[in-house]
Structures are given as structure tokens and as C-alpha cells.
Amino acid sequence: MKIIREAMAGTLESSDVMVRIAPAEGPEHDLLIASSVEKQFGDAIRHTLLQVLQQYDVPPVQVIVDDKGALDCVLRARLETALMRASESATLPWEERRENAE
């Protein structure tokens, strides 16, 4: 998935997360995480971000996360939405998975 422009998804409400994504120069992803629960869950947040980026074969990007205690499924959904917006993809990621499964 090629990232064409900057995009974001989410809110700064309690139990949500704001994810911003932008193209990046360099050999690896640049993850910037601000979280009220970073001490407890920072490694899990990083793992989830990298897993989703790998799943969609995303080249190096900058991901800025402002987490307000979101669950893992919310983080995944927000990142997928930001990726879709940044790639200007006409096909939703979950539609591609469904087509490949059939």
C-alpha cells in the first residue's frame, strides 16, 4: 500500500486514539506515541502498529499516535482508516481480505 499524503483518524476522547500518518524518508517506520498508559502498554501499542503496517505492506511512514486508553481493536481500526485515507484507496482493506478468501 503506497502512502500518497498525510491523513488521520480518531478523536481525543477518552478510550479513543488519534492516529496521524504521513510518508517518511528513511529505512524504517517512525513511530511517535503519546499515551496515558504508555508505561503499561507502550510495547503492545508499538507491536500492534508494526503488525498492521506489515499486514498491508506499507513502506516506511511516520505514525503519530495520541492514545487516550483505546483498546487494541480501536487502535487497529483507526490505523487502517488512516492508511486507507492516506493511500486514497478505493477498496477498503477488509474487502480485499474477503475477496482473497473466496
PDB file of N, CA and C in Angstrom:
ATOM      1  N   MET A   1       0.855  -1.170   0.000  1.00  0.00           N
ATOM      2  CA  MET A   1       0.000   0.000   0.000  1.00  0.00           C
ATOM      3  C   MET A   1       0.900   1.231   0.000  1.00  0.00           C
ATOM      4  N   LYS A   2       0.752   2.053  -1.013  1.00  0.00           N
ATOM      5  CA  LYS A   2       1.563   3.260  -1.120  1.00  0.00           C
ATOM      6  C   LYS A   2       0.866   4.432  -0.431  1.00  0.00           C
ATOM      7  N   ILE A   3       1.598   5.117   0.434  1.00  0.00           N
ATOM      8  CA  ILE A   3       1.058   6.274   1.150  1.00  0.00           C
ATOM      9  C   ILE A   3       1.343   7.522   0.322  1.00  0.00           C
ATOM     10  N   ILE A   4       0.278   8.185  -0.096  1.00  0.00           N
ATOM     11  CA  ILE A   4       0.388   9.328  -1.000  1.00  0.00           C
ATOM     12  C   ILE A   4       0.415  10.658  -0.259  1.00  0.00           C
ATOM     13  N   ARG A   5      -0.357  10.748   0.815  1.00  0.00           N
ATOM     14  CA  ARG A   5      -0.484  12.023   1.519  1.00  0.00           C
ATOM     15  C   ARG A   5      -0.678  11.787   3.015  1.00  0.00           C
ATOM     16  N   GLU A   6      -0.670  12.860   3.773  1.00  0.00           N
ATOM     17  CA  GLU A   6      -0.934  12.770   5.205  1.00  0.00           C
ATOM     18  C   GLU A   6      -2.422  12.510   5.435  1.00  0.00           C
ATOM     19  N   ALA A   7      -2.703  11.787   6.505  1.00  0.00           N
ATOM     20  CA  ALA A   7      -4.099  11.522   6.855  1.00  0.00           C
ATOM     21  C   ALA A   7      -4.181  11.237   8.346  1.00  0.00           C
ATOM     22  N   MET A   8      -5.405  11.311   8.869  1.00  0.00           N
ATOM     23  CA  MET A   8      -5.607  10.996  10.279  1.00  0.00           C
ATOM     24  C   MET A   8      -6.970  10.379  10.496  1.00  0.00           C
ATOM     25  N   ALA A   9      -7.087   9.723  11.649  1.00  0.00           N
ATOM     26  CA  ALA A   9      -8.352   9.101  12.021  1.00  0.00           C
ATOM     27  C   ALA A   9      -8.417   9.061  13.542  1.00  0.00           C
ATOM     28  N   GLY A  10      -9.621   9.136  14.069  1.00  0.00           N
ATOM     29  CA  GLY A  10      -9.819   9.045  15.508  1.00  0.00           C
ATOM     30  C   GLY A  10     -10.138  10.375  16.153  1.00  0.00           C
ATOM     31  N   THR A  11     -10.263  10.326  17.483  1.00  0.00           N
ATOM     32  CA  THR A  11     -10.562  11.518  18.262  1.00  0.00           C
ATOM     33  C   THR A  11      -9.675  11.531  19.502  1.00  0.00           C
ATOM     34  N   LEU A  12      -9.768  12.591  20.255  1.00  0.00           N
ATOM     35  CA  LEU A  12      -9.033  12.700  21.509  1.00  0.00           C
ATOM     36  C   LEU A  12      -9.935  12.457  22.714  1.00  0.00           C
ATOM     37  N   GLU A  13     -11.060  11.794  22.475  1.00  0.00           N
ATOM     38  CA  GLU A  13     -11.979  11.441  23.544  1.00  0.00           C
ATOM     39  C   GLU A  13     -11.394  10.318  24.390  1.00  0.00           C
ATOM     40  N   SER A  14     -11.859  10.185  25.594  1.00  0.00           N
ATOM     41  CA  SER A  14     -11.439   9.099  26.465  1.00  0.00           C
ATOM     42  C   SER A  14     -11.734   7.751  25.809  1.00  0.00           C
ATOM     43  N   SER A  15     -10.817   6.815  25.934  1.00  0.00           N
ATOM     44  CA  SER A  15     -10.918   5.463  25.367  1.00  0.00           C
ATOM     45  C   SER A  15     -10.827   5.436  23.844  1.00  0.00           C
ATOM     46  N   ASP A  16     -10.313   6.491  23.234  1.00  0.00           N
ATOM     47  CA  ASP A  16     -10.113   6.527  21.787  1.00  0.00           C
ATOM     48  C   ASP A  16      -8.649   6.844  21.519  1.00  0.00           C
ATOM     49  N   VAL A  17      -8.298   6.941  20.258  1.00  0.00           N
ATOM     50  CA  VAL A  17      -6.926   7.239  19.853  1.00  0.00           C
ATOM     51  C   VAL A  17      -6.961   8.049  18.562  1.00  0.00           C
ATOM     52  N   MET A  18      -6.086   9.041  18.469  1.00  0.00           N
ATOM     53  CA  MET A  18      -5.917   9.823  17.244  1.00  0.00           C
ATOM     54  C   MET A  18      -4.656   9.300  16.565  1.00  0.00           C
ATOM     55  N   VAL A  19      -4.794   8.869  15.327  1.00  0.00           N
ATOM     56  CA  VAL A  19      -3.659   8.348  14.561  1.00  0.00           C
ATOM     57  C   VAL A  19      -3.438   9.244  13.357  1.00  0.00           C
ATOM     58  N   ARG A  20      -2.220   9.732  13.228  1.00  0.00           N
ATOM     59  CA  ARG A  20      -1.829  10.531  12.066  1.00  0.00           C
ATOM     60  C   ARG A  20      -0.745   9.764  11.335  1.00  0.00           C
ATOM     61  N   ILE A  21      -0.819   9.759  10.004  1.00  0.00           N
ATOM     62  CA  ILE A  21       0.162   9.036   9.213  1.00  0.00           C
ATOM     63  C   ILE A  21       0.641   9.932   8.082  1.00  0.00           C
ATOM     64  N   ALA A  22       1.918   9.823   7.743  1.00  0.00           N
ATOM     65  CA  ALA A  22       2.499  10.623   6.675  1.00  0.00           C
ATOM     66  C   ALA A  22       3.628   9.834   6.021  1.00  0.00           C
ATOM     67  N   PRO A  23       3.875  10.094   4.747  1.00  0.00           N
ATOM     68  CA  PRO A  23       5.025   9.445   4.105  1.00  0.00           C
ATOM     69  C   PRO A  23       6.301   9.827   4.851  1.00  0.00           C
ATOM     70  N   ALA A  24       7.272   8.929   4.864  1.00  0.00           N
ATOM     71  CA  ALA A  24       8.532   9.207   5.559  1.00  0.00           C
ATOM     72  C   ALA A  24       9.701   8.794   4.688  1.00  0.00           C
ATOM     73  N   GLU A  25      10.778   9.480   4.881  1.00  0.00           N
ATOM     74  CA  GLU A  25      12.025   9.118   4.216  1.00  0.00           C
ATOM     75  C   GLU A  25      12.838   8.317   5.218  1.00  0.00           C
ATOM     76  N   GLY A  26      13.499   7.319   4.765  1.00  0.00           N
ATOM     77  CA  GLY A  26      14.317   6.527   5.665  1.00  0.00           C
ATOM     78  C   GLY A  26      14.018   5.055   5.525  1.00  0.00           C
ATOM     79  N   PRO A  27      14.808   4.239   6.191  1.00  0.00           N
ATOM     80  CA  PRO A  27      14.699   2.787   6.015  1.00  0.00           C
ATOM     81  C   PRO A  27      13.625   2.112   6.869  1.00  0.00           C
ATOM     82  N   GLU A  28      13.092   2.798   7.876  1.00  0.00           N
ATOM     83  CA  GLU A  28      12.106   2.140   8.738  1.00  0.00           C
ATOM     84  C   GLU A  28      11.022   3.101   9.188  1.00  0.00           C
ATOM     85  N   HIS A  29       9.983   2.540   9.772  1.00  0.00           N
ATOM     86  CA  HIS A  29       8.856   3.338  10.255  1.00  0.00           C
ATOM     87  C   HIS A  29       9.291   4.223  11.422  1.00  0.00           C
ATOM     88  N   ASP A  30       8.709   5.416  11.485  1.00  0.00           N
ATOM     89  CA  ASP A  30       8.956   6.359  12.571  1.00  0.00           C
ATOM     90  C   ASP A  30       7.679   6.421  13.411  1.00  0.00           C
ATOM     91  N   LEU A  31       7.707   5.788  14.583  1.00  0.00           N
ATOM     92  CA  LEU A  31       6.535   5.734  15.455  1.00  0.00           C
ATOM     93  C   LEU A  31       6.705   6.701  16.614  1.00  0.00           C
ATOM     94  N   LEU A  32       5.776   7.650  16.736  1.00  0.00           N
ATOM     95  CA  LEU A  32       5.772   8.603  17.837  1.00  0.00           C
ATOM     96  C   LEU A  32       4.496   8.366  18.635  1.00  0.00           C
ATOM     97  N   ILE A  33       4.655   7.925  19.871  1.00  0.00           N
ATOM     98  CA  ILE A  33       3.498   7.528  20.674  1.00  0.00           C
ATOM     99  C   ILE A  33       3.409   8.366  21.937  1.00  0.00           C
ATOM    100  N   ALA A  34       2.250   9.001  22.120  1.00  0.00           N
ATOM    101  CA  ALA A  34       1.925   9.691  23.370  1.00  0.00           C
ATOM    102  C   ALA A  34       0.696   8.989  23.922  1.00  0.00           C
ATOM    103  N   SER A  35       0.835   8.401  25.111  1.00  0.00           N
ATOM    104  CA  SER A  35      -0.263   7.626  25.665  1.00  0.00           C
ATOM    105  C   SER A  35      -0.330   7.788  27.174  1.00  0.00           C
ATOM    106  N   SER A  36      -1.551   7.853  27.670  1.00  0.00           N
ATOM    107  CA  SER A  36      -1.735   7.926  29.114  1.00  0.00           C
ATOM    108  C   SER A  36      -1.403   6.593  29.780  1.00  0.00           C
ATOM    109  N   VAL A  37      -1.294   5.526  28.995  1.00  0.00           N
ATOM    110  CA  VAL A  37      -0.977   4.200  29.528  1.00  0.00           C
ATOM    111  C   VAL A  37       0.297   3.625  28.894  1.00  0.00           C
ATOM    112  N   GLU A  38       1.194   4.522  28.470  1.00  0.00           N
ATOM    113  CA  GLU A  38       2.391   4.060  27.753  1.00  0.00           C
ATOM    114  C   GLU A  38       3.284   3.162  28.603  1.00  0.00           C
ATOM    115  N   LYS A  39       3.409   3.444  29.890  1.00  0.00           N
ATOM    116  CA  LYS A  39       4.261   2.602  30.737  1.00  0.00           C
ATOM    117  C   LYS A  39       3.769   1.157  30.765  1.00  0.00           C
ATOM    118  N   GLN A  40       2.470   0.978  30.837  1.00  0.00           N
ATOM    119  CA  GLN A  40       1.915  -0.369  30.895  1.00  0.00           C
ATOM    120  C   GLN A  40       1.794  -1.015  29.512  1.00  0.00           C
ATOM    121  N   PHE A  41       1.401  -0.236  28.501  1.00  0.00           N
ATOM    122  CA  PHE A  41       1.038  -0.815  27.212  1.00  0.00           C
ATOM    123  C   PHE A  41       1.825  -0.278  26.017  1.00  0.00           C
ATOM    124  N   GLY A  42       2.883   0.476  26.241  1.00  0.00           N
ATOM    125  CA  GLY A  42       3.656   1.049  25.143  1.00  0.00           C
ATOM    126  C   GLY A  42       4.184   0.009  24.166  1.00  0.00           C
ATOM    127  N   ASP A  43       4.724  -1.098  24.699  1.00  0.00           N
ATOM    128  CA  ASP A  43       5.244  -2.153  23.826  1.00  0.00           C
ATOM    129  C   ASP A  43       4.126  -2.798  23.016  1.00  0.00           C
ATOM    130  N   ALA A  44       2.979  -3.002  23.622  1.00  0.00           N
ATOM    131  CA  ALA A  44       1.839  -3.595  22.921  1.00  0.00           C
ATOM    132  C   ALA A  44       1.326  -2.661  21.823  1.00  0.00           C
ATOM    133  N   ILE A  45       1.318  -1.362  22.083  1.00  0.00           N
ATOM    134  CA  ILE A  45       0.891  -0.388  21.080  1.00  0.00           C
ATOM    135  C   ILE A  45       1.842  -0.426  19.889  1.00  0.00           C
ATOM    136  N   ARG A  46       3.145  -0.410  20.158  1.00  0.00           N
ATOM    137  CA  ARG A  46       4.143  -0.477  19.076  1.00  0.00           C
ATOM    138  C   ARG A  46       3.981  -1.762  18.262  1.00  0.00           C
ATOM    139  N   HIS A  47       3.795  -2.871  18.970  1.00  0.00           N
ATOM    140  CA  HIS A  47       3.634  -4.158  18.296  1.00  0.00           C
ATOM    141  C   HIS A  47       2.419  -4.138  17.364  1.00  0.00           C
ATOM    142  N   THR A  48       1.305  -3.620  17.848  1.00  0.00           N
ATOM    143  CA  THR A  48       0.090  -3.546  17.033  1.00  0.00           C
ATOM    144  C   THR A  48       0.301  -2.667  15.812  1.00  0.00           C
ATOM    145  N   LEU A  49       0.916  -1.505  15.997  1.00  0.00           N
ATOM    146  CA  LEU A  49       1.169  -0.606  14.866  1.00  0.00           C
ATOM    147  C   LEU A  49       2.023  -1.293  13.809  1.00  0.00           C
ATOM    148  N   LEU A  50       3.120  -1.893  14.235  1.00  0.00           N
ATOM    149  CA  LEU A  50       4.024  -2.551  13.283  1.00  0.00           C
ATOM    150  C   LEU A  50       3.358  -3.743  12.608  1.00  0.00           C
ATOM    151  N   GLN A  51       2.529  -4.463  13.331  1.00  0.00           N
ATOM    152  CA  GLN A  51       1.822  -5.608  12.766  1.00  0.00           C
ATOM    153  C   GLN A  51       0.868  -5.171  11.644  1.00  0.00           C
ATOM    154  N   VAL A  52       0.113  -4.108  11.878  1.00  0.00           N
ATOM    155  CA  VAL A  52      -0.825  -3.616  10.863  1.00  0.00           C
ATOM    156  C   VAL A  52      -0.062  -3.063   9.658  1.00  0.00           C
ATOM    157  N   LEU A  53       1.008  -2.325   9.898  1.00  0.00           N
ATOM    158  CA  LEU A  53       1.797  -1.784   8.793  1.00  0.00           C
ATOM    159  C   LEU A  53       2.386  -2.908   7.946  1.00  0.00           C
ATOM    160  N   GLN A  54       2.835  -3.959   8.584  1.00  0.00           N
ATOM    161  CA  GLN A  54       3.381  -5.109   7.860  1.00  0.00           C
ATOM    162  C   GLN A  54       2.274  -5.843   7.111  1.00  0.00           C
ATOM    163  N   GLN A  55       1.121  -5.986   7.735  1.00  0.00           N
ATOM    164  CA  GLN A  55      -0.012  -6.682   7.125  1.00  0.00           C
ATOM    165  C   GLN A  55      -0.399  -6.047   5.794  1.00  0.00           C
ATOM    166  N   TYR A  56      -0.341  -4.730   5.711  1.00  0.00           N
ATOM    167  CA  TYR A  56      -0.722  -4.016   4.488  1.00  0.00           C
ATOM    168  C   TYR A  56       0.473  -3.630   3.637  1.00  0.00           C
ATOM    169  N   ASP A  57       1.645  -4.169   3.969  1.00  0.00           N
ATOM    170  CA  ASP A  57       2.866  -3.961   3.188  1.00  0.00           C
ATOM    171  C   ASP A  57       3.111  -2.464   2.937  1.00  0.00           C
ATOM    172  N   VAL A  58       3.121  -1.703   4.030  1.00  0.00           N
ATOM    173  CA  VAL A  58       3.295  -0.252   3.961  1.00  0.00           C
ATOM    174  C   VAL A  58       4.788   0.078   4.007  1.00  0.00           C
ATOM    175  N   PRO A  59       5.267   0.878   3.036  1.00  0.00           N
ATOM    176  CA  PRO A  59       6.670   1.304   3.082  1.00  0.00           C
ATOM    177  C   PRO A  59       6.883   2.241   4.278  1.00  0.00           C
ATOM    178  N   PRO A  60       8.123   2.601   4.593  1.00  0.00           N
ATOM    179  CA  PRO A  60       8.371   3.456   5.765  1.00  0.00           C
ATOM    180  C   PRO A  60       7.482   4.704   5.801  1.00  0.00           C
ATOM    181  N   VAL A  61       6.819   4.872   6.929  1.00  0.00           N
ATOM    182  CA  VAL A  61       5.937   6.013   7.160  1.00  0.00           C
ATOM    183  C   VAL A  61       6.171   6.544   8.564  1.00  0.00           C
ATOM    184  N   GLN A  62       5.671   7.755   8.788  1.00  0.00           N
ATOM    185  CA  GLN A  62       5.665   8.308  10.137  1.00  0.00           C
ATOM    186  C   GLN A  62       4.257   8.122  10.686  1.00  0.00           C
ATOM    187  N   VAL A  63       4.163   7.550  11.886  1.00  0.00           N
ATOM    188  CA  VAL A  63       2.879   7.354  12.548  1.00  0.00           C
ATOM    189  C   VAL A  63       2.941   8.076  13.882  1.00  0.00           C
ATOM    190  N   ILE A  64       2.004   8.995  14.076  1.00  0.00           N
ATOM    191  CA  ILE A  64       1.906   9.731  15.337  1.00  0.00           C
ATOM    192  C   ILE A  64       0.624   9.288  16.022  1.00  0.00           C
ATOM    193  N   VAL A  65       0.770   8.776  17.229  1.00  0.00           N
ATOM    194  CA  VAL A  65      -0.361   8.234  17.976  1.00  0.00           C
ATOM    195  C   VAL A  65      -0.552   9.052  19.247  1.00  0.00           C
ATOM    196  N   ASP A  66      -1.773   9.539  19.443  1.00  0.00           N
ATOM    197  CA  ASP A  66      -2.141  10.218  20.688  1.00  0.00           C
ATOM    198  C   ASP A  66      -3.247   9.372  21.314  1.00  0.00           C
ATOM    199  N   ASP A  67      -2.851   8.497  22.225  1.00  0.00           N
ATOM    200  CA  ASP A  67      -3.746   7.490  22.786  1.00  0.00           C
ATOM    201  C   ASP A  67      -4.361   7.950  24.097  1.00  0.00           C
ATOM    202  N   LYS A  68      -5.649   7.735  24.216  1.00  0.00           N
ATOM    203  CA  LYS A  68      -6.379   8.071  25.438  1.00  0.00           C
ATOM    204  C   LYS A  68      -6.960   6.817  26.078  1.00  0.00           C
ATOM    205  N   GLY A  69      -6.214   5.696  25.979  1.00  0.00           N
ATOM    206  CA  GLY A  69      -6.655   4.453  26.599  1.00  0.00           C
ATOM    207  C   GLY A  69      -7.494   3.576  25.697  1.00  0.00           C
ATOM    208  N   ALA A  70      -7.250   3.644  24.383  1.00  0.00           N
ATOM    209  CA  ALA A  70      -8.033   2.860  23.434  1.00  0.00           C
ATOM    210  C   ALA A  70      -7.693   1.376  23.517  1.00  0.00           C
ATOM    211  N   LEU A  71      -8.679   0.548  23.263  1.00  0.00           N
ATOM    212  CA  LEU A  71      -8.460  -0.890  23.156  1.00  0.00           C
ATOM    213  C   LEU A  71      -7.693  -1.192  21.876  1.00  0.00           C
ATOM    214  N   ASP A  72      -7.086  -2.370  21.819  1.00  0.00           N
ATOM    215  CA  ASP A  72      -6.306  -2.780  20.660  1.00  0.00           C
ATOM    216  C   ASP A  72      -7.127  -2.747  19.370  1.00  0.00           C
ATOM    217  N   CYS A  73      -8.377  -3.204  19.431  1.00  0.00           N
ATOM    218  CA  CYS A  73      -9.225  -3.217  18.225  1.00  0.00           C
ATOM    219  C   CYS A  73      -9.501  -1.806  17.716  1.00  0.00           C
ATOM    220  N   VAL A  74      -9.604  -0.846  18.611  1.00  0.00           N
ATOM    221  CA  VAL A  74      -9.821   0.549  18.224  1.00  0.00           C
ATOM    222  C   VAL A  74      -8.559   1.094  17.557  1.00  0.00           C
ATOM    223  N   LEU A  75      -7.393   0.798  18.132  1.00  0.00           N
ATOM    224  CA  LEU A  75      -6.124   1.231  17.545  1.00  0.00           C
ATOM    225  C   LEU A  75      -5.976   0.681  16.132  1.00  0.00           C
ATOM    226  N   ARG A  76      -6.268  -0.603  15.947  1.00  0.00           N
ATOM    227  CA  ARG A  76      -6.186  -1.212  14.619  1.00  0.00           C
ATOM    228  C   ARG A  76      -7.140  -0.530  13.636  1.00  0.00           C
ATOM    229  N   ALA A  77      -8.366  -0.299  14.062  1.00  0.00           N
ATOM    230  CA  ALA A  77      -9.360   0.315  13.185  1.00  0.00           C
ATOM    231  C   ALA A  77      -8.954   1.735  12.794  1.00  0.00           C
ATOM    232  N   ARG A  78      -8.449   2.504  13.749  1.00  0.00           N
ATOM    233  CA  ARG A  78      -8.030   3.874  13.451  1.00  0.00           C
ATOM    234  C   ARG A  78      -6.845   3.884  12.493  1.00  0.00           C
ATOM    235  N   LEU A  79      -5.878   2.974  12.701  1.00  0.00           N
ATOM    236  CA  LEU A  79      -4.720   2.924  11.806  1.00  0.00           C
ATOM    237  C   LEU A  79      -5.130   2.475  10.412  1.00  0.00           C
ATOM    238  N   GLU A  80      -6.000   1.484  10.305  1.00  0.00           N
ATOM    239  CA  GLU A  80      -6.479   1.046   8.997  1.00  0.00           C
ATOM    240  C   GLU A  80      -7.196   2.185   8.271  1.00  0.00           C
ATOM    241  N   THR A  81      -7.999   2.946   8.987  1.00  0.00           N
ATOM    242  CA  THR A  81      -8.719   4.067   8.381  1.00  0.00           C
ATOM    243  C   THR A  81      -7.746   5.135   7.901  1.00  0.00           C
ATOM    244  N   ALA A  82      -6.760   5.475   8.725  1.00  0.00           N
ATOM    245  CA  ALA A  82      -5.760   6.466   8.322  1.00  0.00           C
ATOM    246  C   ALA A  82      -4.982   5.978   7.101  1.00  0.00           C
ATOM    247  N   LEU A  83      -4.635   4.699   7.069  1.00  0.00           N
ATOM    248  CA  LEU A  83      -3.919   4.138   5.916  1.00  0.00           C
ATOM    249  C   LEU A  83      -4.762   4.235   4.653  1.00  0.00           C
ATOM    250  N   MET A  84      -6.042   3.901   4.778  1.00  0.00           N
ATOM    251  CA  MET A  84      -6.931   3.974   3.624  1.00  0.00           C
ATOM    252  C   MET A  84      -7.023   5.408   3.104  1.00  0.00           C
ATOM    253  N   ARG A  85      -7.169   6.360   4.014  1.00  0.00           N
ATOM    254  CA  ARG A  85      -7.261   7.763   3.603  1.00  0.00           C
ATOM    255  C   ARG A  85      -5.954   8.254   2.996  1.00  0.00           C
ATOM    256  N   ALA A  86      -4.832   7.843   3.566  1.00  0.00           N
ATOM    257  CA  ALA A  86      -3.521   8.308   3.087  1.00  0.00           C
ATOM    258  C   ALA A  86      -3.149   7.697   1.746  1.00  0.00           C
ATOM    259  N   SER A  87      -3.674   6.524   1.456  1.00  0.00           N
ATOM    260  CA  SER A  87      -3.363   5.875   0.183  1.00  0.00           C
ATOM    261  C   SER A  87      -4.392   6.220  -0.884  1.00  0.00           C
ATOM    262  N   GLU A  88      -5.471   6.872  -0.482  1.00  0.00           N
ATOM    263  CA  GLU A  88      -6.583   7.209  -1.367  1.00  0.00           C
ATOM    264  C   GLU A  88      -7.086   5.965  -2.078  1.00  0.00           C
ATOM    265  N   SER A  89      -7.134   4.874  -1.341  1.00  0.00           N
ATOM    266  CA  SER A  89      -7.563   3.589  -1.875  1.00  0.00           C
ATOM    267  C   SER A  89      -9.071   3.579  -2.075  1.00  0.00           C
ATOM    268  N   ALA A  90      -9.501   3.024  -3.192  1.00  0.00           N
ATOM    269  CA  ALA A  90     -10.923   2.915  -3.473  1.00  0.00           C
ATOM    270  C   ALA A  90     -11.504   1.650  -2.846  1.00  0.00           C
ATOM    271  N   THR A  91     -10.637   0.686  -2.538  1.00  0.00           N
ATOM    272  CA  THR A  91     -11.074  -0.570  -1.951  1.00  0.00           C
ATOM    273  C   THR A  91     -10.720  -0.579  -0.474  1.00  0.00           C
ATOM    274  N   LEU A  92     -11.674  -0.910   0.351  1.00  0.00           N
ATOM    275  CA  LEU A  92     -11.430  -0.992   1.787  1.00  0.00           C
ATOM    276  C   LEU A  92     -10.575  -2.217   2.078  1.00  0.00           C
ATOM    277  N   PRO A  93      -9.654  -2.127   3.035  1.00  0.00           N
ATOM    278  CA  PRO A  93      -8.755  -3.250   3.322  1.00  0.00           C
ATOM    279  C   PRO A  93      -9.477  -4.544   3.640  1.00  0.00           C
ATOM    280  N   TRP A  94     -10.590  -4.477   4.361  1.00  0.00           N
ATOM    281  CA  TRP A  94     -11.297  -5.693   4.719  1.00  0.00           C
ATOM    282  C   TRP A  94     -12.009  -6.300   3.518  1.00  0.00           C
ATOM    283  N   GLU A  95     -12.330  -5.498   2.481  1.00  0.00           N
ATOM    284  CA  GLU A  95     -12.917  -6.048   1.262  1.00  0.00           C
ATOM    285  C   GLU A  95     -11.874  -6.859   0.499  1.00  0.00           C
ATOM    286  N   GLU A  96     -10.618  -6.379   0.486  1.00  0.00           N
ATOM    287  CA  GLU A  96      -9.546  -7.115  -0.177  1.00  0.00           C
ATOM    288  C   GLU A  96      -9.344  -8.469   0.484  1.00  0.00           C
ATOM    289  N   ARG A  97      -9.378  -8.509   1.807  1.00  0.00           N
ATOM    290  CA  ARG A  97      -9.196  -9.783   2.518  1.00  0.00           C
ATOM    291  C   ARG A  97     -10.325 -10.747   2.198  1.00  0.00           C
ATOM    292  N   ARG A  98     -11.550 -10.227   2.129  1.00  0.00           N
ATOM    293  CA  ARG A  98     -12.694 -11.085   1.841  1.00  0.00           C
ATOM    294  C   ARG A  98     -12.597 -11.654   0.427  1.00  0.00           C
ATOM    295  N   GLU A  99     -12.205 -10.823  -0.563  1.00  0.00           N
ATOM    296  CA  GLU A  99     -12.070 -11.289  -1.937  1.00  0.00           C
ATOM    297  C   GLU A  99     -10.991 -12.360  -2.051  1.00  0.00           C
ATOM    298  N   ASN A 100      -9.881 -12.188  -1.334  1.00  0.00           N
ATOM    299  CA  ASN A 100      -8.801 -13.174  -1.380  1.00  0.00           C
ATOM    300  C   ASN A 100      -9.208 -14.477  -0.727  1.00  0.00           C
ATOM    301  N   ALA A 101     -10.117 -14.443   0.225  1.00  0.00           N
ATOM    302  CA  ALA A 101     -10.546 -15.644   0.929  1.00  0.00           C
ATOM    303  C   ALA A 101     -11.496 -16.493   0.067  1.00  0.00           C
ATOM    304  N   GLU A 102     -12.173 -15.845  -0.860  1.00  0.00           N
ATOM    305  CA  GLU A 102     -13.165 -16.564  -1.690  1.00  0.00           C
ATOM    306  C   GLU A 102     -12.540 -17.336  -2.805  1.00  0.00           C
TER     307      GLU A 102
END
